């Protein structure tokens, strides 16, 4: 690089400042500060952002990022930059996603962010990587969205996106959105059933399940047990409803005389479903 090029390169920041109109710059900064004030007053604590003890700024969460996009009239696109599924051993798989999120205003790209997530993170390491691959992808998408939003109107001055700070909130989100499949395939980390799947333990040792509901400290496991219990109760109720419906459609008939019997007589009261739950949920 010649000497003239070096001088020009060194003077670029100064040239940018010299070319600015101060009144316009002042107006823009005032608008940014006003927008920050609106954001602070509009978003909701524990829903749109989280206050982490010991941190200087609140952490922006997915609902808050989506609200900001709506305020700006921004649309989003998601692009998968990389997927890494690797079988490290017969027992261990590794999955990683890297996602790019772009924000658009009237078809013009105004910001972008990148998010990654992998199965070796603390909250996923105890689970089968292939079973939580979709969850890992969604988490990477969320991180990319929040990263992109923080670049809009200098919002990183208001919020932070520290992955370690967000763990408690992501854990809560995982619990709140737990599916029956997630619950059944949850691998227990402690106790005599350590390493076993919760769905199998519910069938093999209902006594331990009831004991854990009363004495266990892991709220995520308790939530999973309740999810499985609700699913079983729902299936049981559906079965009974169908049985009742079938009974109404086919009036009871005396097998000897062929006469239609009184549906309300004791001998013709449909038998209640007595199928027991895999465990007795209190």
C-alpha atoms as a PDB file:
ATOM      1  CA  UNK A   1       0.000   0.000   0.000  1.00  0.00           C
ATOM      2  CA  UNK A   2       1.497   3.353  -1.003  1.00  0.00           C
ATOM      3  CA  UNK A   3       1.944   6.305   1.362  1.00  0.00           C
ATOM      4  CA  UNK A   4      -0.969   8.289  -0.085  1.00  0.00           C
ATOM      5  CA  UNK A   5      -3.342   5.337   0.428  1.00  0.00           C
ATOM      6  CA  UNK A   6      -2.219   4.992   4.048  1.00  0.00           C
ATOM      7  CA  UNK A   7      -2.842   8.697   4.697  1.00  0.00           C
ATOM      8  CA  UNK A   8      -6.299   8.513   3.115  1.00  0.00           C
ATOM      9  CA  UNK A   9      -7.171   5.440   5.147  1.00  0.00           C
ATOM     10  CA  UNK A  10      -6.099   7.084   8.392  1.00  0.00           C
ATOM     11  CA  UNK A  11      -8.191  10.170   7.627  1.00  0.00           C
ATOM     12  CA  UNK A  12     -11.409   8.279   6.859  1.00  0.00           C
ATOM     13  CA  UNK A  13     -12.963   8.670  10.375  1.00  0.00           C
ATOM     14  CA  UNK A  14     -12.139  12.359  10.401  1.00  0.00           C
ATOM     15  CA  UNK A  15     -13.601  12.741   6.905  1.00  0.00           C
ATOM     16  CA  UNK A  16     -16.852  11.134   7.990  1.00  0.00           C
ATOM     17  CA  UNK A  17     -17.160  13.526  10.914  1.00  0.00           C
ATOM     18  CA  UNK A  18     -16.331  16.528   8.736  1.00  0.00           C
ATOM     19  CA  UNK A  19     -19.038  15.547   6.258  1.00  0.00           C
ATOM     20  CA  UNK A  20     -21.762  15.316   8.907  1.00  0.00           C
ATOM     21  CA  UNK A  21     -24.452  17.945   9.391  1.00  0.00           C
ATOM     22  CA  UNK A  22     -24.501  18.497  13.140  1.00  0.00           C
ATOM     23  CA  UNK A  23     -28.144  19.525  13.301  1.00  0.00           C
ATOM     24  CA  UNK A  24     -29.175  16.291  11.564  1.00  0.00           C
ATOM     25  CA  UNK A  25     -26.911  14.240  13.822  1.00  0.00           C
ATOM     26  CA  UNK A  26     -28.359  15.924  16.916  1.00  0.00           C
ATOM     27  CA  UNK A  27     -31.914  15.297  15.711  1.00  0.00           C
ATOM     28  CA  UNK A  28     -31.133  11.632  15.020  1.00  0.00           C
ATOM     29  CA  UNK A  29     -29.611  11.108  18.473  1.00  0.00           C
ATOM     30  CA  UNK A  30     -32.629  12.736  20.100  1.00  0.00           C
ATOM     31  CA  UNK A  31     -34.949  10.418  18.188  1.00  0.00           C
ATOM     32  CA  UNK A  32     -32.885   7.389  19.235  1.00  0.00           C
ATOM     33  CA  UNK A  33     -33.012   8.444  22.885  1.00  0.00           C
ATOM     34  CA  UNK A  34     -36.762   9.037  22.661  1.00  0.00           C
ATOM     35  CA  UNK A  35     -37.234   5.580  21.119  1.00  0.00           C
ATOM     36  CA  UNK A  36     -35.176   4.000  23.903  1.00  0.00           C
ATOM     37  CA  UNK A  37     -37.470   5.674  26.435  1.00  0.00           C
ATOM     38  CA  UNK A  38     -40.563   4.329  24.638  1.00  0.00           C
ATOM     39  CA  UNK A  39     -39.087   0.824  24.599  1.00  0.00           C
ATOM     40  CA  UNK A  40     -38.285   0.953  28.313  1.00  0.00           C
ATOM     41  CA  UNK A  41     -41.811   2.107  29.132  1.00  0.00           C
ATOM     42  CA  UNK A  42     -43.591  -0.281  26.768  1.00  0.00           C
ATOM     43  CA  UNK A  43     -41.935  -3.662  27.208  1.00  0.00           C
ATOM     44  CA  UNK A  44     -42.868  -5.872  30.151  1.00  0.00           C
ATOM     45  CA  UNK A  45     -40.479  -7.246  32.731  1.00  0.00           C
ATOM     46  CA  UNK A  46     -40.200 -11.081  32.796  1.00  0.00           C
ATOM     47  CA  UNK A  47     -42.058 -11.343  29.474  1.00  0.00           C
ATOM     48  CA  UNK A  48     -40.218  -9.105  27.016  1.00  0.00           C
ATOM     49  CA  UNK A  49     -36.980  -8.807  28.954  1.00  0.00           C
ATOM     50  CA  UNK A  50     -35.390 -10.160  32.096  1.00  0.00           C
ATOM     51  CA  UNK A  51     -33.625  -8.326  34.896  1.00  0.00           C
ATOM     52  CA  UNK A  52     -30.607 -10.399  35.874  1.00  0.00           C
ATOM     53  CA  UNK A  53     -29.185  -9.630  39.335  1.00  0.00           C
ATOM     54  CA  UNK A  54     -25.668  -8.243  39.088  1.00  0.00           C
ATOM     55  CA  UNK A  55     -25.887  -7.176  35.430  1.00  0.00           C
ATOM     56  CA  UNK A  56     -25.842  -3.616  34.131  1.00  0.00           C
ATOM     57  CA  UNK A  57     -28.587  -4.017  31.515  1.00  0.00           C
ATOM     58  CA  UNK A  58     -31.697  -6.175  31.148  1.00  0.00           C
ATOM     59  CA  UNK A  59     -31.616  -9.135  28.781  1.00  0.00           C
ATOM     60  CA  UNK A  60     -33.891  -8.898  25.745  1.00  0.00           C
ATOM     61  CA  UNK A  61     -36.079 -11.983  25.302  1.00  0.00           C
ATOM     62  CA  UNK A  62     -37.817 -13.290  22.188  1.00  0.00           C
ATOM     63  CA  UNK A  63     -41.277 -11.744  22.904  1.00  0.00           C
ATOM     64  CA  UNK A  64     -39.622  -8.351  23.402  1.00  0.00           C
ATOM     65  CA  UNK A  65     -37.660  -8.702  20.160  1.00  0.00           C
ATOM     66  CA  UNK A  66     -40.865  -9.557  18.300  1.00  0.00           C
ATOM     67  CA  UNK A  67     -42.650  -6.547  19.830  1.00  0.00           C
ATOM     68  CA  UNK A  68     -39.865  -4.227  18.691  1.00  0.00           C
ATOM     69  CA  UNK A  69     -40.108  -5.654  15.167  1.00  0.00           C
ATOM     70  CA  UNK A  70     -43.833  -4.889  15.182  1.00  0.00           C
ATOM     71  CA  UNK A  71     -43.201  -1.317  16.390  1.00  0.00           C
ATOM     72  CA  UNK A  72     -40.777  -0.723  13.542  1.00  0.00           C
ATOM     73  CA  UNK A  73     -42.852  -2.631  10.985  1.00  0.00           C
ATOM     74  CA  UNK A  74     -39.959  -5.007  10.357  1.00  0.00           C
ATOM     75  CA  UNK A  75     -40.207  -8.408   8.717  1.00  0.00           C
ATOM     76  CA  UNK A  76     -37.742 -11.239   9.313  1.00  0.00           C
ATOM     77  CA  UNK A  77     -36.072 -13.939   7.263  1.00  0.00           C
ATOM     78  CA  UNK A  78     -34.209 -16.924   8.653  1.00  0.00           C
ATOM     79  CA  UNK A  79     -31.264 -18.604   6.944  1.00  0.00           C
ATOM     80  CA  UNK A  80     -29.499 -21.742   8.190  1.00  0.00           C
ATOM     81  CA  UNK A  81     -25.779 -21.104   7.835  1.00  0.00           C
ATOM     82  CA  UNK A  82     -24.662 -24.498   9.085  1.00  0.00           C
ATOM     83  CA  UNK A  83     -25.926 -27.753  10.559  1.00  0.00           C
ATOM     84  CA  UNK A  84     -23.491 -30.064  12.291  1.00  0.00           C
ATOM     85  CA  UNK A  85     -24.843 -33.530  13.117  1.00  0.00           C
ATOM     86  CA  UNK A  86     -21.964 -35.745  14.303  1.00  0.00           C
ATOM     87  CA  UNK A  87     -21.951 -39.179  15.917  1.00  0.00           C
ATOM     88  CA  UNK A  88     -19.108 -38.934  18.402  1.00  0.00           C
ATOM     89  CA  UNK A  89     -19.600 -42.479  19.644  1.00  0.00           C
ATOM     90  CA  UNK A  90     -22.242 -45.191  19.711  1.00  0.00           C
ATOM     91  CA  UNK A  91     -23.790 -43.507  22.742  1.00  0.00           C
ATOM     92  CA  UNK A  92     -23.185 -39.824  21.981  1.00  0.00           C
ATOM     93  CA  UNK A  93     -24.410 -37.597  19.154  1.00  0.00           C
ATOM     94  CA  UNK A  94     -23.621 -33.928  18.644  1.00  0.00           C
ATOM     95  CA  UNK A  95     -25.899 -31.408  16.923  1.00  0.00           C
ATOM     96  CA  UNK A  96     -25.183 -27.733  16.269  1.00  0.00           C
ATOM     97  CA  UNK A  97     -27.075 -25.022  14.345  1.00  0.00           C
ATOM     98  CA  UNK A  98     -25.880 -21.613  13.200  1.00  0.00           C
ATOM     99  CA  UNK A  99     -28.691 -19.327  12.040  1.00  0.00           C
ATOM    100  CA  UNK A 100     -28.734 -15.888  10.418  1.00  0.00           C
ATOM    101  CA  UNK A 101     -31.729 -13.589  10.879  1.00  0.00           C
ATOM    102  CA  UNK A 102     -32.246 -10.550   8.647  1.00  0.00           C
ATOM    103  CA  UNK A 103     -34.669  -7.715   9.377  1.00  0.00           C
ATOM    104  CA  UNK A 104     -36.336  -5.866   6.512  1.00  0.00           C
ATOM    105  CA  UNK A 105     -38.214  -2.583   6.212  1.00  0.00           C
ATOM    106  CA  UNK A 106     -40.109  -2.232   2.947  1.00  0.00           C
ATOM    107  CA  UNK A 107     -37.901  -4.879   1.314  1.00  0.00           C
ATOM    108  CA  UNK A 108     -34.695  -3.133   2.432  1.00  0.00           C
ATOM    109  CA  UNK A 109     -32.382  -5.029   4.785  1.00  0.00           C
ATOM    110  CA  UNK A 110     -31.803  -2.900   7.887  1.00  0.00           C
ATOM    111  CA  UNK A 111     -30.123  -5.349  10.259  1.00  0.00           C
ATOM    112  CA  UNK A 112     -28.945  -8.915  10.671  1.00  0.00           C
ATOM    113  CA  UNK A 113     -27.850 -11.155  13.504  1.00  0.00           C
ATOM    114  CA  UNK A 114     -26.342 -14.597  13.977  1.00  0.00           C
ATOM    115  CA  UNK A 115     -27.234 -17.180  16.626  1.00  0.00           C
ATOM    116  CA  UNK A 116     -25.793 -20.592  17.425  1.00  0.00           C
ATOM    117  CA  UNK A 117     -26.860 -23.430  19.691  1.00  0.00           C
ATOM    118  CA  UNK A 118     -25.505 -26.935  20.216  1.00  0.00           C
ATOM    119  CA  UNK A 119     -26.304 -30.091  22.132  1.00  0.00           C
ATOM    120  CA  UNK A 120     -23.286 -29.749  24.430  1.00  0.00           C
ATOM    121  CA  UNK A 121     -24.814 -26.742  26.175  1.00  0.00           C
ATOM    122  CA  UNK A 122     -25.623 -27.436  29.784  1.00  0.00           C
ATOM    123  CA  UNK A 123     -29.394 -27.633  29.406  1.00  0.00           C
ATOM    124  CA  UNK A 124     -29.202 -30.147  26.519  1.00  0.00           C
ATOM    125  CA  UNK A 125     -26.139 -32.223  27.407  1.00  0.00           C
ATOM    126  CA  UNK A 126     -28.088 -34.726  29.508  1.00  0.00           C
ATOM    127  CA  UNK A 127     -30.579 -35.363  26.678  1.00  0.00           C
ATOM    128  CA  UNK A 128     -30.293 -37.311  23.457  1.00  0.00           C
ATOM    129  CA  UNK A 129     -28.999 -34.816  20.873  1.00  0.00           C
ATOM    130  CA  UNK A 130     -31.175 -36.104  18.049  1.00  0.00           C
ATOM    131  CA  UNK A 131     -34.328 -35.853  20.153  1.00  0.00           C
ATOM    132  CA  UNK A 132     -33.731 -32.173  20.935  1.00  0.00           C
ATOM    133  CA  UNK A 133     -32.353 -31.159  17.510  1.00  0.00           C
ATOM    134  CA  UNK A 134     -35.475 -29.152  16.668  1.00  0.00           C
ATOM    135  CA  UNK A 135     -35.341 -27.362  20.026  1.00  0.00           C
ATOM    136  CA  UNK A 136     -31.685 -26.530  19.411  1.00  0.00           C
ATOM    137  CA  UNK A 137     -32.548 -25.088  15.998  1.00  0.00           C
ATOM    138  CA  UNK A 138     -35.340 -22.941  17.479  1.00  0.00           C
ATOM    139  CA  UNK A 139     -32.988 -21.651  20.179  1.00  0.00           C
ATOM    140  CA  UNK A 140     -30.425 -20.663  17.533  1.00  0.00           C
ATOM    141  CA  UNK A 141     -33.198 -18.863  15.606  1.00  0.00           C
ATOM    142  CA  UNK A 142     -34.221 -16.953  18.729  1.00  0.00           C
ATOM    143  CA  UNK A 143     -30.670 -15.878  19.457  1.00  0.00           C
ATOM    144  CA  UNK A 144     -30.234 -14.697  15.867  1.00  0.00           C
ATOM    145  CA  UNK A 145     -33.455 -12.672  16.073  1.00  0.00           C
ATOM    146  CA  UNK A 146     -32.469 -10.993  19.336  1.00  0.00           C
ATOM    147  CA  UNK A 147     -28.990 -10.264  17.960  1.00  0.00           C
ATOM    148  CA  UNK A 148     -30.494  -8.633  14.866  1.00  0.00           C
ATOM    149  CA  UNK A 149     -32.956  -6.544  16.898  1.00  0.00           C
ATOM    150  CA  UNK A 150     -30.196  -5.260  19.179  1.00  0.00           C
ATOM    151  CA  UNK A 151     -28.573  -3.648  16.118  1.00  0.00           C
ATOM    152  CA  UNK A 152     -31.725  -1.614  15.426  1.00  0.00           C
ATOM    153  CA  UNK A 153     -31.605   1.981  16.693  1.00  0.00           C
ATOM    154  CA  UNK A 154     -28.659   1.182  19.004  1.00  0.00           C
ATOM    155  CA  UNK A 155     -30.809  -1.002  21.251  1.00  0.00           C
ATOM    156  CA  UNK A 156     -27.673  -2.716  22.553  1.00  0.00           C
ATOM    157  CA  UNK A 157     -27.380   0.423  24.698  1.00  0.00           C
ATOM    158  CA  UNK A 158     -30.619  -0.609  26.414  1.00  0.00           C
ATOM    159  CA  UNK A 159     -30.453  -4.421  26.401  1.00  0.00           C
ATOM    160  CA  UNK A 160     -27.850  -7.129  26.432  1.00  0.00           C
ATOM    161  CA  UNK A 161     -27.774 -10.650  25.031  1.00  0.00           C
ATOM    162  CA  UNK A 162     -25.473 -12.537  27.306  1.00  0.00           C
ATOM    163  CA  UNK A 163     -25.999 -16.247  26.725  1.00  0.00           C
ATOM    164  CA  UNK A 164     -25.012 -17.169  30.265  1.00  0.00           C
ATOM    165  CA  UNK A 165     -27.420 -14.567  31.678  1.00  0.00           C
ATOM    166  CA  UNK A 166     -30.233 -15.957  29.551  1.00  0.00           C
ATOM    167  CA  UNK A 167     -29.935 -19.561  30.776  1.00  0.00           C
ATOM    168  CA  UNK A 168     -32.527 -19.242  33.528  1.00  0.00           C
ATOM    169  CA  UNK A 169     -35.058 -17.742  31.125  1.00  0.00           C
ATOM    170  CA  UNK A 170     -34.364 -20.319  28.433  1.00  0.00           C
ATOM    171  CA  UNK A 171     -34.773 -23.050  31.040  1.00  0.00           C
ATOM    172  CA  UNK A 172     -38.170 -21.598  31.983  1.00  0.00           C
ATOM    173  CA  UNK A 173     -39.176 -21.400  28.319  1.00  0.00           C
ATOM    174  CA  UNK A 174     -38.197 -25.052  27.798  1.00  0.00           C
ATOM    175  CA  UNK A 175     -40.298 -26.104  30.796  1.00  0.00           C
ATOM    176  CA  UNK A 176     -43.327 -24.030  29.802  1.00  0.00           C
ATOM    177  CA  UNK A 177     -43.318 -25.390  26.229  1.00  0.00           C
ATOM    178  CA  UNK A 178     -42.602 -29.016  27.119  1.00  0.00           C
ATOM    179  CA  UNK A 179     -44.342 -31.597  24.933  1.00  0.00           C
ATOM    180  CA  UNK A 180     -45.405 -35.125  25.853  1.00  0.00           C
ATOM    181  CA  UNK A 181     -42.543 -36.480  23.743  1.00  0.00           C
ATOM    182  CA  UNK A 182     -40.048 -34.198  25.493  1.00  0.00           C
ATOM    183  CA  UNK A 183     -41.313 -35.361  28.876  1.00  0.00           C
ATOM    184  CA  UNK A 184     -41.249 -39.060  28.020  1.00  0.00           C
ATOM    185  CA  UNK A 185     -37.698 -38.880  26.637  1.00  0.00           C
ATOM    186  CA  UNK A 186     -36.296 -36.811  29.492  1.00  0.00           C
ATOM    187  CA  UNK A 187     -33.243 -38.555  30.919  1.00  0.00           C
ATOM    188  CA  UNK A 188     -33.107 -38.486  34.716  1.00  0.00           C
ATOM    189  CA  UNK A 189     -29.884 -37.097  36.182  1.00  0.00           C
ATOM    190  CA  UNK A 190     -30.036 -38.200  39.816  1.00  0.00           C
ATOM    191  CA  UNK A 191     -31.368 -40.927  42.086  1.00  0.00           C
ATOM    192  CA  UNK A 192     -31.671 -44.646  41.573  1.00  0.00           C
ATOM    193  CA  UNK A 193     -33.085 -44.138  38.070  1.00  0.00           C
ATOM    194  CA  UNK A 194     -30.222 -41.923  36.901  1.00  0.00           C
ATOM    195  CA  UNK A 195     -29.733 -42.279  33.141  1.00  0.00           C
ATOM    196  CA  UNK A 196     -33.196 -43.767  32.543  1.00  0.00           C
ATOM    197  CA  UNK A 197     -35.997 -42.163  30.515  1.00  0.00           C
ATOM    198  CA  UNK A 198     -38.794 -40.645  32.579  1.00  0.00           C
ATOM    199  CA  UNK A 199     -41.521 -42.274  30.461  1.00  0.00           C
ATOM    200  CA  UNK A 200     -40.135 -45.742  31.211  1.00  0.00           C
ATOM    201  CA  UNK A 201     -39.712 -45.008  34.924  1.00  0.00           C
ATOM    202  CA  UNK A 202     -43.351 -43.874  35.137  1.00  0.00           C
ATOM    203  CA  UNK A 203     -44.390 -47.357  34.028  1.00  0.00           C
ATOM    204  CA  UNK A 204     -41.809 -49.408  35.912  1.00  0.00           C
ATOM    205  CA  UNK A 205     -41.691 -47.588  39.250  1.00  0.00           C
ATOM    206  CA  UNK A 206     -44.841 -45.520  39.944  1.00  0.00           C
ATOM    207  CA  UNK A 207     -43.999 -45.480  43.638  1.00  0.00           C
ATOM    208  CA  UNK A 208     -40.802 -43.557  42.988  1.00  0.00           C
ATOM    209  CA  UNK A 209     -42.710 -41.125  40.743  1.00  0.00           C
ATOM    210  CA  UNK A 210     -45.155 -40.327  43.542  1.00  0.00           C
ATOM    211  CA  UNK A 211     -42.282 -39.992  46.003  1.00  0.00           C
ATOM    212  CA  UNK A 212     -40.517 -37.543  43.682  1.00  0.00           C
ATOM    213  CA  UNK A 213     -43.656 -35.426  43.273  1.00  0.00           C
ATOM    214  CA  UNK A 214     -43.708 -34.938  47.046  1.00  0.00           C
ATOM    215  CA  UNK A 215     -39.988 -34.768  47.816  1.00  0.00           C
ATOM    216  CA  UNK A 216     -38.070 -34.018  44.608  1.00  0.00           C
ATOM    217  CA  UNK A 217     -36.477 -30.613  44.035  1.00  0.00           C
ATOM    218  CA  UNK A 218     -36.147 -30.613  40.249  1.00  0.00           C
ATOM    219  CA  UNK A 219     -39.121 -28.585  39.033  1.00  0.00           C
ATOM    220  CA  UNK A 220     -38.412 -29.536  35.420  1.00  0.00           C
ATOM    221  CA  UNK A 221     -38.849 -33.236  36.220  1.00  0.00           C
ATOM    222  CA  UNK A 222     -42.027 -32.498  38.177  1.00  0.00           C
ATOM    223  CA  UNK A 223     -43.367 -30.542  35.215  1.00  0.00           C
ATOM    224  CA  UNK A 224     -42.542 -33.468  32.913  1.00  0.00           C
ATOM    225  CA  UNK A 225     -44.377 -35.891  35.196  1.00  0.00           C
ATOM    226  CA  UNK A 226     -47.431 -33.632  35.146  1.00  0.00           C
ATOM    227  CA  UNK A 227     -47.286 -33.369  31.340  1.00  0.00           C
ATOM    228  CA  UNK A 228     -47.302 -37.165  31.078  1.00  0.00           C
ATOM    229  CA  UNK A 229     -50.087 -37.449  33.655  1.00  0.00           C
ATOM    230  CA  UNK A 230     -52.218 -34.905  31.778  1.00  0.00           C
ATOM    231  CA  UNK A 231     -51.690 -36.824  28.532  1.00  0.00           C
ATOM    232  CA  UNK A 232     -52.771 -40.099  30.118  1.00  0.00           C
ATOM    233  CA  UNK A 233     -55.801 -38.502  31.761  1.00  0.00           C
ATOM    234  CA  UNK A 234     -56.790 -36.902  28.460  1.00  0.00           C
ATOM    235  CA  UNK A 235     -56.501 -40.214  26.622  1.00  0.00           C
ATOM    236  CA  UNK A 236     -58.549 -41.887  29.326  1.00  0.00           C
ATOM    237  CA  UNK A 237     -61.265 -39.210  29.127  1.00  0.00           C
ATOM    238  CA  UNK A 238     -61.372 -39.464  25.323  1.00  0.00           C
ATOM    239  CA  UNK A 239     -61.732 -43.226  25.531  1.00  0.00           C
ATOM    240  CA  UNK A 240     -64.604 -42.947  27.981  1.00  0.00           C
ATOM    241  CA  UNK A 241     -66.328 -40.277  25.869  1.00  0.00           C
ATOM    242  CA  UNK A 242     -66.109 -42.506  22.798  1.00  0.00           C
ATOM    243  CA  UNK A 243     -67.378 -45.455  24.804  1.00  0.00           C
ATOM    244  CA  UNK A 244     -70.339 -43.401  26.033  1.00  0.00           C
ATOM    245  CA  UNK A 245     -71.050 -42.223  22.497  1.00  0.00           C
ATOM    246  CA  UNK A 246     -70.984 -45.770  21.142  1.00  0.00           C
ATOM    247  CA  UNK A 247     -73.345 -46.859  23.899  1.00  0.00           C
ATOM    248  CA  UNK A 248     -75.861 -44.141  22.995  1.00  0.00           C
ATOM    249  CA  UNK A 249     -75.749 -45.004  19.321  1.00  0.00           C
ATOM    250  CA  UNK A 250     -76.511 -48.674  19.981  1.00  0.00           C
ATOM    251  CA  UNK A 251     -79.492 -49.112  22.350  1.00  0.00           C
ATOM    252  CA  UNK A 252     -79.185 -52.143  24.650  1.00  0.00           C
ATOM    253  CA  UNK A 253     -81.241 -55.123  23.498  1.00  0.00           C
ATOM    254  CA  UNK A 254     -82.429 -58.134  25.477  1.00  0.00           C
ATOM    255  CA  UNK A 255     -80.611 -61.069  23.894  1.00  0.00           C
ATOM    256  CA  UNK A 256     -83.495 -63.442  24.606  1.00  0.00           C
ATOM    257  CA  UNK A 257     -86.561 -61.355  23.639  1.00  0.00           C
ATOM    258  CA  UNK A 258     -84.981 -58.874  21.253  1.00  0.00           C
ATOM    259  CA  UNK A 259     -86.662 -55.993  23.095  1.00  0.00           C
ATOM    260  CA  UNK A 260     -84.930 -52.650  23.584  1.00  0.00           C
ATOM    261  CA  UNK A 261     -84.125 -52.307  27.239  1.00  0.00           C
ATOM    262  CA  UNK A 262     -84.416 -49.245  29.432  1.00  0.00           C
ATOM    263  CA  UNK A 263     -81.063 -47.484  29.111  1.00  0.00           C
ATOM    264  CA  UNK A 264     -81.361 -46.163  32.668  1.00  0.00           C
ATOM    265  CA  UNK A 265     -81.853 -49.552  34.312  1.00  0.00           C
ATOM    266  CA  UNK A 266     -78.975 -50.567  36.619  1.00  0.00           C
ATOM    267  CA  UNK A 267     -78.100 -53.642  34.585  1.00  0.00           C
ATOM    268  CA  UNK A 268     -77.598 -51.532  31.458  1.00  0.00           C
ATOM    269  CA  UNK A 269     -75.512 -48.742  32.923  1.00  0.00           C
ATOM    270  CA  UNK A 270     -72.326 -48.607  30.817  1.00  0.00           C
ATOM    271  CA  UNK A 271     -69.312 -49.886  32.667  1.00  0.00           C
ATOM    272  CA  UNK A 272     -66.978 -47.076  33.644  1.00  0.00           C
ATOM    273  CA  UNK A 273     -63.498 -47.154  32.246  1.00  0.00           C
ATOM    274  CA  UNK A 274     -61.375 -48.571  35.020  1.00  0.00           C
ATOM    275  CA  UNK A 275     -58.088 -48.427  33.171  1.00  0.00           C
ATOM    276  CA  UNK A 276     -55.469 -47.286  35.652  1.00  0.00           C
ATOM    277  CA  UNK A 277     -52.913 -44.632  34.972  1.00  0.00           C
ATOM    278  CA  UNK A 278     -49.325 -45.836  34.572  1.00  0.00           C
ATOM    279  CA  UNK A 279     -48.857 -44.312  38.006  1.00  0.00           C
ATOM    280  CA  UNK A 280     -51.159 -42.857  40.620  1.00  0.00           C
ATOM    281  CA  UNK A 281     -50.741 -39.107  40.264  1.00  0.00           C
ATOM    282  CA  UNK A 282     -51.796 -37.336  43.417  1.00  0.00           C
END
